[in-house]
Amino acid sequence: MLNNALQQTGWEGPLLSEGDWQAAVRARLQKASWERVVDDVEPFLEPAADPALLRYENVMRVLERS
């Protein structure tokens, strides 16, 4: 699904695999405006979710463990 979404948005890089998607997401997040990322993701959070936990450091930590 990630590769399909990337292609739809003009991704010109190689197809991502189970072993390398985390590095690609980390690289993209390092260049992104974090406030904009939070604004984009917040509508998709469960009602009981705490949006304050959606911090750059937390997301990067999760991606490193995956």
PDB file of N, CA and C in Angstrom:
ATOM      1  N   MET A   1       0.825  -1.190   0.000  1.00  0.00           N
ATOM      2  CA  MET A   1       0.000   0.000   0.000  1.00  0.00           C
ATOM      3  C   MET A   1       0.869   1.254   0.000  1.00  0.00           C
ATOM      4  N   LEU A   2       1.983   1.198   0.734  1.00  0.00           N
ATOM      5  CA  LEU A   2       2.871   2.357   0.759  1.00  0.00           C
ATOM      6  C   LEU A   2       3.431   2.630  -0.636  1.00  0.00           C
ATOM      7  N   ASN A   3       3.867   1.604  -1.339  1.00  0.00           N
ATOM      8  CA  ASN A   3       4.395   1.803  -2.687  1.00  0.00           C
ATOM      9  C   ASN A   3       3.334   2.384  -3.622  1.00  0.00           C
ATOM     10  N   ASN A   4       2.096   1.933  -3.498  1.00  0.00           N
ATOM     11  CA  ASN A   4       1.018   2.488  -4.323  1.00  0.00           C
ATOM     12  C   ASN A   4       0.816   3.971  -4.015  1.00  0.00           C
ATOM     13  N   ALA A   5       0.798   4.319  -2.750  1.00  0.00           N
ATOM     14  CA  ALA A   5       0.619   5.723  -2.364  1.00  0.00           C
ATOM     15  C   ALA A   5       1.783   6.573  -2.859  1.00  0.00           C
ATOM     16  N   LEU A   6       2.980   6.053  -2.762  1.00  0.00           N
ATOM     17  CA  LEU A   6       4.148   6.793  -3.235  1.00  0.00           C
ATOM     18  C   LEU A   6       4.064   7.045  -4.741  1.00  0.00           C
ATOM     19  N   GLN A   7       3.698   6.034  -5.489  1.00  0.00           N
ATOM     20  CA  GLN A   7       3.581   6.191  -6.936  1.00  0.00           C
ATOM     21  C   GLN A   7       2.513   7.216  -7.298  1.00  0.00           C
ATOM     22  N   GLN A   8       1.411   7.232  -6.558  1.00  0.00           N
ATOM     23  CA  GLN A   8       0.332   8.182  -6.830  1.00  0.00           C
ATOM     24  C   GLN A   8       0.740   9.621  -6.558  1.00  0.00           C
ATOM     25  N   THR A   9       1.749   9.804  -5.709  1.00  0.00           N
ATOM     26  CA  THR A   9       2.190  11.159  -5.368  1.00  0.00           C
ATOM     27  C   THR A   9       3.484  11.547  -6.085  1.00  0.00           C
ATOM     28  N   GLY A  10       3.870  10.768  -7.095  1.00  0.00           N
ATOM     29  CA  GLY A  10       5.019  11.133  -7.906  1.00  0.00           C
ATOM     30  C   GLY A  10       6.366  10.625  -7.431  1.00  0.00           C
ATOM     31  N   TRP A  11       6.390   9.668  -6.532  1.00  0.00           N
ATOM     32  CA  TRP A  11       7.643   9.085  -6.031  1.00  0.00           C
ATOM     33  C   TRP A  11       8.449   8.548  -7.202  1.00  0.00           C
ATOM     34  N   GLU A  12       9.695   8.955  -7.298  1.00  0.00           N
ATOM     35  CA  GLU A  12      10.550   8.494  -8.375  1.00  0.00           C
ATOM     36  C   GLU A  12      11.623   7.531  -7.893  1.00  0.00           C
ATOM     37  N   GLY A  13      11.612   7.242  -6.608  1.00  0.00           N
ATOM     38  CA  GLY A  13      12.594   6.320  -6.048  1.00  0.00           C
ATOM     39  C   GLY A  13      12.210   4.877  -6.312  1.00  0.00           C
ATOM     40  N   PRO A  14      13.041   3.964  -5.852  1.00  0.00           N
ATOM     41  CA  PRO A  14      12.760   2.541  -6.049  1.00  0.00           C
ATOM     42  C   PRO A  14      11.590   2.086  -5.178  1.00  0.00           C
ATOM     43  N   LEU A  15      11.008   0.949  -5.527  1.00  0.00           N
ATOM     44  CA  LEU A  15       9.967   0.364  -4.679  1.00  0.00           C
ATOM     45  C   LEU A  15      10.578   0.049  -3.326  1.00  0.00           C
ATOM     46  N   LEU A  16       9.807   0.273  -2.286  1.00  0.00           N
ATOM     47  CA  LEU A  16      10.290  -0.001  -0.936  1.00  0.00           C
ATOM     48  C   LEU A  16       9.916  -1.424  -0.541  1.00  0.00           C
ATOM     49  N   SER A  17      10.745  -1.993   0.313  1.00  0.00           N
ATOM     50  CA  SER A  17      10.501  -3.356   0.772  1.00  0.00           C
ATOM     51  C   SER A  17      10.307  -3.364   2.280  1.00  0.00           C
ATOM     52  N   GLU A  18      10.016  -4.534   2.802  1.00  0.00           N
ATOM     53  CA  GLU A  18       9.828  -4.680   4.244  1.00  0.00           C
ATOM     54  C   GLU A  18      11.085  -4.285   5.007  1.00  0.00           C
ATOM     55  N   GLY A  19      12.233  -4.428   4.377  1.00  0.00           N
ATOM     56  CA  GLY A  19      13.490  -4.148   5.056  1.00  0.00           C
ATOM     57  C   GLY A  19      13.983  -2.714   4.960  1.00  0.00           C
ATOM     58  N   ASP A  20      13.406  -1.902   4.062  1.00  0.00           N
ATOM     59  CA  ASP A  20      13.953  -0.557   3.918  1.00  0.00           C
ATOM     60  C   ASP A  20      12.952   0.592   4.002  1.00  0.00           C
ATOM     61  N   TRP A  21      11.693   0.305   4.217  1.00  0.00           N
ATOM     62  CA  TRP A  21      10.707   1.380   4.247  1.00  0.00           C
ATOM     63  C   TRP A  21      10.912   2.323   5.431  1.00  0.00           C
ATOM     64  N   GLN A  22      11.376   1.778   6.578  1.00  0.00           N
ATOM     65  CA  GLN A  22      11.557   2.626   7.761  1.00  0.00           C
ATOM     66  C   GLN A  22      12.598   3.712   7.509  1.00  0.00           C
ATOM     67  N   ALA A  23      13.700   3.370   6.848  1.00  0.00           N
ATOM     68  CA  ALA A  23      14.747   4.352   6.565  1.00  0.00           C
ATOM     69  C   ALA A  23      14.217   5.437   5.630  1.00  0.00           C
ATOM     70  N   ALA A  24      13.409   5.046   4.648  1.00  0.00           N
ATOM     71  CA  ALA A  24      12.839   6.031   3.718  1.00  0.00           C
ATOM     72  C   ALA A  24      11.880   6.974   4.444  1.00  0.00           C
ATOM     73  N   VAL A  25      11.080   6.439   5.345  1.00  0.00           N
ATOM     74  CA  VAL A  25      10.139   7.279   6.103  1.00  0.00           C
ATOM     75  C   VAL A  25      10.912   8.209   7.037  1.00  0.00           C
ATOM     76  N   ARG A  26      11.939   7.686   7.712  1.00  0.00           N
ATOM     77  CA  ARG A  26      12.755   8.545   8.592  1.00  0.00           C
ATOM     78  C   ARG A  26      13.385   9.695   7.805  1.00  0.00           C
ATOM     79  N   ALA A  27      13.940   9.393   6.636  1.00  0.00           N
ATOM     80  CA  ALA A  27      14.577  10.431   5.820  1.00  0.00           C
ATOM     81  C   ALA A  27      13.565  11.495   5.413  1.00  0.00           C
ATOM     82  N   ARG A  28      12.375  11.083   5.052  1.00  0.00           N
ATOM     83  CA  ARG A  28      11.336  12.037   4.641  1.00  0.00           C
ATOM     84  C   ARG A  28      10.886  12.893   5.822  1.00  0.00           C
ATOM     85  N   LEU A  29      10.728  12.276   6.983  1.00  0.00           N
ATOM     86  CA  LEU A  29      10.293  13.027   8.159  1.00  0.00           C
ATOM     87  C   LEU A  29      11.338  14.043   8.604  1.00  0.00           C
ATOM     88  N   GLN A  30      12.605  13.747   8.381  1.00  0.00           N
ATOM     89  CA  GLN A  30      13.663  14.683   8.762  1.00  0.00           C
ATOM     90  C   GLN A  30      13.573  15.974   7.961  1.00  0.00           C
ATOM     91  N   LYS A  31      12.988  15.908   6.773  1.00  0.00           N
ATOM     92  CA  LYS A  31      12.870  17.088   5.918  1.00  0.00           C
ATOM     93  C   LYS A  31      11.511  17.784   6.037  1.00  0.00           C
ATOM     94  N   ALA A  32      10.558  17.151   6.698  1.00  0.00           N
ATOM     95  CA  ALA A  32       9.179  17.654   6.750  1.00  0.00           C
ATOM     96  C   ALA A  32       8.990  18.679   7.864  1.00  0.00           C
ATOM     97  N   SER A  33       7.999  19.523   7.678  1.00  0.00           N
ATOM     98  CA  SER A  33       7.574  20.439   8.737  1.00  0.00           C
ATOM     99  C   SER A  33       6.739  19.622   9.722  1.00  0.00           C
ATOM    100  N   TRP A  34       7.244  19.450  10.939  1.00  0.00           N
ATOM    101  CA  TRP A  34       6.556  18.564  11.880  1.00  0.00           C
ATOM    102  C   TRP A  34       5.155  19.062  12.223  1.00  0.00           C
ATOM    103  N   GLU A  35       4.964  20.360  12.308  1.00  0.00           N
ATOM    104  CA  GLU A  35       3.638  20.895  12.593  1.00  0.00           C
ATOM    105  C   GLU A  35       2.648  20.484  11.499  1.00  0.00           C
ATOM    106  N   ARG A  36       3.096  20.495  10.283  1.00  0.00           N
ATOM    107  CA  ARG A  36       2.228  20.093   9.170  1.00  0.00           C
ATOM    108  C   ARG A  36       1.937  18.595   9.220  1.00  0.00           C
ATOM    109  N   VAL A  37       2.921  17.807   9.594  1.00  0.00           N
ATOM    110  CA  VAL A  37       2.722  16.361   9.729  1.00  0.00           C
ATOM    111  C   VAL A  37       1.639  16.093  10.762  1.00  0.00           C
ATOM    112  N   VAL A  38       1.735  16.744  11.900  1.00  0.00           N
ATOM    113  CA  VAL A  38       0.749  16.546  12.966  1.00  0.00           C
ATOM    114  C   VAL A  38      -0.637  16.972  12.485  1.00  0.00           C
ATOM    115  N   ASP A  39      -0.731  18.102  11.816  1.00  0.00           N
ATOM    116  CA  ASP A  39      -2.023  18.565  11.298  1.00  0.00           C
ATOM    117  C   ASP A  39      -2.620  17.561  10.315  1.00  0.00           C
ATOM    118  N   ASP A  40      -1.769  16.946   9.478  1.00  0.00           N
ATOM    119  CA  ASP A  40      -2.246  15.973   8.492  1.00  0.00           C
ATOM    120  C   ASP A  40      -2.716  14.673   9.140  1.00  0.00           C
ATOM    121  N   VAL A  41      -2.040  14.253  10.197  1.00  0.00           N
ATOM    122  CA  VAL A  41      -2.322  12.953  10.819  1.00  0.00           C
ATOM    123  C   VAL A  41      -3.443  13.027  11.851  1.00  0.00           C
ATOM    124  N   GLU A  42      -3.556  14.132  12.538  1.00  0.00           N
ATOM    125  CA  GLU A  42      -4.496  14.263  13.661  1.00  0.00           C
ATOM    126  C   GLU A  42      -5.923  13.824  13.335  1.00  0.00           C
ATOM    127  N   PRO A  43      -6.487  14.141  12.167  1.00  0.00           N
ATOM    128  CA  PRO A  43      -7.865  13.701  11.896  1.00  0.00           C
ATOM    129  C   PRO A  43      -8.037  12.178  11.843  1.00  0.00           C
ATOM    130  N   PHE A  44      -6.941  11.448  11.681  1.00  0.00           N
ATOM    131  CA  PHE A  44      -7.024   9.991  11.579  1.00  0.00           C
ATOM    132  C   PHE A  44      -6.809   9.280  12.906  1.00  0.00           C
ATOM    133  N   LEU A  45      -6.529  10.027  13.969  1.00  0.00           N
ATOM    134  CA  LEU A  45      -6.319   9.425  15.283  1.00  0.00           C
ATOM    135  C   LEU A  45      -7.647   8.996  15.891  1.00  0.00           C
ATOM    136  N   GLU A  46      -7.588   7.935  16.659  1.00  0.00           N
ATOM    137  CA  GLU A  46      -8.770   7.475  17.396  1.00  0.00           C
ATOM    138  C   GLU A  46      -9.200   8.573  18.370  1.00  0.00           C
ATOM    139  N   PRO A  47     -10.496   8.670  18.678  1.00  0.00           N
ATOM    140  CA  PRO A  47     -10.962   9.727  19.595  1.00  0.00           C
ATOM    141  C   PRO A  47     -10.254   9.730  20.944  1.00  0.00           C
ATOM    142  N   ALA A  48      -9.889   8.557  21.457  1.00  0.00           N
ATOM    143  CA  ALA A  48      -9.249   8.488  22.769  1.00  0.00           C
ATOM    144  C   ALA A  48      -7.740   8.721  22.705  1.00  0.00           C
ATOM    145  N   ALA A  49      -7.175   8.844  21.504  1.00  0.00           N
ATOM    146  CA  ALA A  49      -5.735   9.021  21.361  1.00  0.00           C
ATOM    147  C   ALA A  49      -5.302  10.411  21.828  1.00  0.00           C
ATOM    148  N   ASP A  50      -4.127  10.469  22.389  1.00  0.00           N
ATOM    149  CA  ASP A  50      -3.572  11.738  22.862  1.00  0.00           C
ATOM    150  C   ASP A  50      -2.662  12.318  21.775  1.00  0.00           C
ATOM    151  N   PRO A  51      -3.101  13.368  21.084  1.00  0.00           N
ATOM    152  CA  PRO A  51      -2.280  13.937  20.013  1.00  0.00           C
ATOM    153  C   PRO A  51      -0.938  14.482  20.502  1.00  0.00           C
ATOM    154  N   ALA A  52      -0.825  14.758  21.791  1.00  0.00           N
ATOM    155  CA  ALA A  52       0.438  15.262  22.331  1.00  0.00           C
ATOM    156  C   ALA A  52       1.548  14.222  22.234  1.00  0.00           C
ATOM    157  N   LEU A  53       1.179  12.949  22.114  1.00  0.00           N
ATOM    158  CA  LEU A  53       2.180  11.892  21.970  1.00  0.00           C
ATOM    159  C   LEU A  53       2.756  11.836  20.559  1.00  0.00           C
ATOM    160  N   LEU A  54       2.113  12.502  19.631  1.00  0.00           N
ATOM    161  CA  LEU A  54       2.569  12.521  18.247  1.00  0.00           C
ATOM    162  C   LEU A  54       3.687  13.556  18.113  1.00  0.00           C
ATOM    163  N   ARG A  55       4.829  13.178  18.661  1.00  0.00           N
ATOM    164  CA  ARG A  55       6.005  14.038  18.648  1.00  0.00           C
ATOM    165  C   ARG A  55       7.057  13.420  17.750  1.00  0.00           C
ATOM    166  N   TYR A  56       7.841  14.270  17.131  1.00  0.00           N
ATOM    167  CA  TYR A  56       8.901  13.825  16.225  1.00  0.00           C
ATOM    168  C   TYR A  56       9.777  12.745  16.867  1.00  0.00           C
ATOM    169  N   GLU A  57      10.226  12.989  18.074  1.00  0.00           N
ATOM    170  CA  GLU A  57      11.121  12.059  18.764  1.00  0.00           C
ATOM    171  C   GLU A  57      10.465  10.695  18.962  1.00  0.00           C
ATOM    172  N   ASN A  58       9.176  10.691  19.319  1.00  0.00           N
ATOM    173  CA  ASN A  58       8.463   9.432  19.534  1.00  0.00           C
ATOM    174  C   ASN A  58       8.326   8.639  18.241  1.00  0.00           C
ATOM    175  N   VAL A  59       7.974   9.310  17.173  1.00  0.00           N
ATOM    176  CA  VAL A  59       7.798   8.628  15.889  1.00  0.00           C
ATOM    177  C   VAL A  59       9.132   8.072  15.400  1.00  0.00           C
ATOM    178  N   MET A  60      10.197   8.845  15.511  1.00  0.00           N
ATOM    179  CA  MET A  60      11.512   8.366  15.078  1.00  0.00           C
ATOM    180  C   MET A  60      11.962   7.168  15.912  1.00  0.00           C
ATOM    181  N   ARG A  61      11.679   7.192  17.196  1.00  0.00           N
ATOM    182  CA  ARG A  61      12.042   6.065  18.071  1.00  0.00           C
ATOM    183  C   ARG A  61      11.302   4.800  17.640  1.00  0.00           C
ATOM    184  N   VAL A  62      10.028   4.912  17.324  1.00  0.00           N
ATOM    185  CA  VAL A  62       9.252   3.751  16.880  1.00  0.00           C
ATOM    186  C   VAL A  62       9.786   3.222  15.559  1.00  0.00           C
ATOM    187  N   LEU A  63      10.110   4.103  14.641  1.00  0.00           N
ATOM    188  CA  LEU A  63      10.652   3.670  13.351  1.00  0.00           C
ATOM    189  C   LEU A  63      11.993   2.973  13.489  1.00  0.00           C
ATOM    190  N   GLU A  64      12.798   3.368  14.450  1.00  0.00           N
ATOM    191  CA  GLU A  64      14.094   2.735  14.665  1.00  0.00           C
ATOM    192  C   GLU A  64      13.946   1.326  15.216  1.00  0.00           C
ATOM    193  N   ARG A  65      12.885   1.078  15.956  1.00  0.00           N
ATOM    194  CA  ARG A  65      12.654  -0.247  16.558  1.00  0.00           C
ATOM    195  C   ARG A  65      11.981  -1.215  15.600  1.00  0.00           C
ATOM    196  N   SER A  66      11.376  -0.699  14.568  1.00  0.00           N
ATOM    197  CA  SER A  66      10.619  -1.559  13.635  1.00  0.00           C
ATOM    198  C   SER A  66      11.540  -2.378  12.782  1.00  0.00           C
TER     199      SER A  66
END
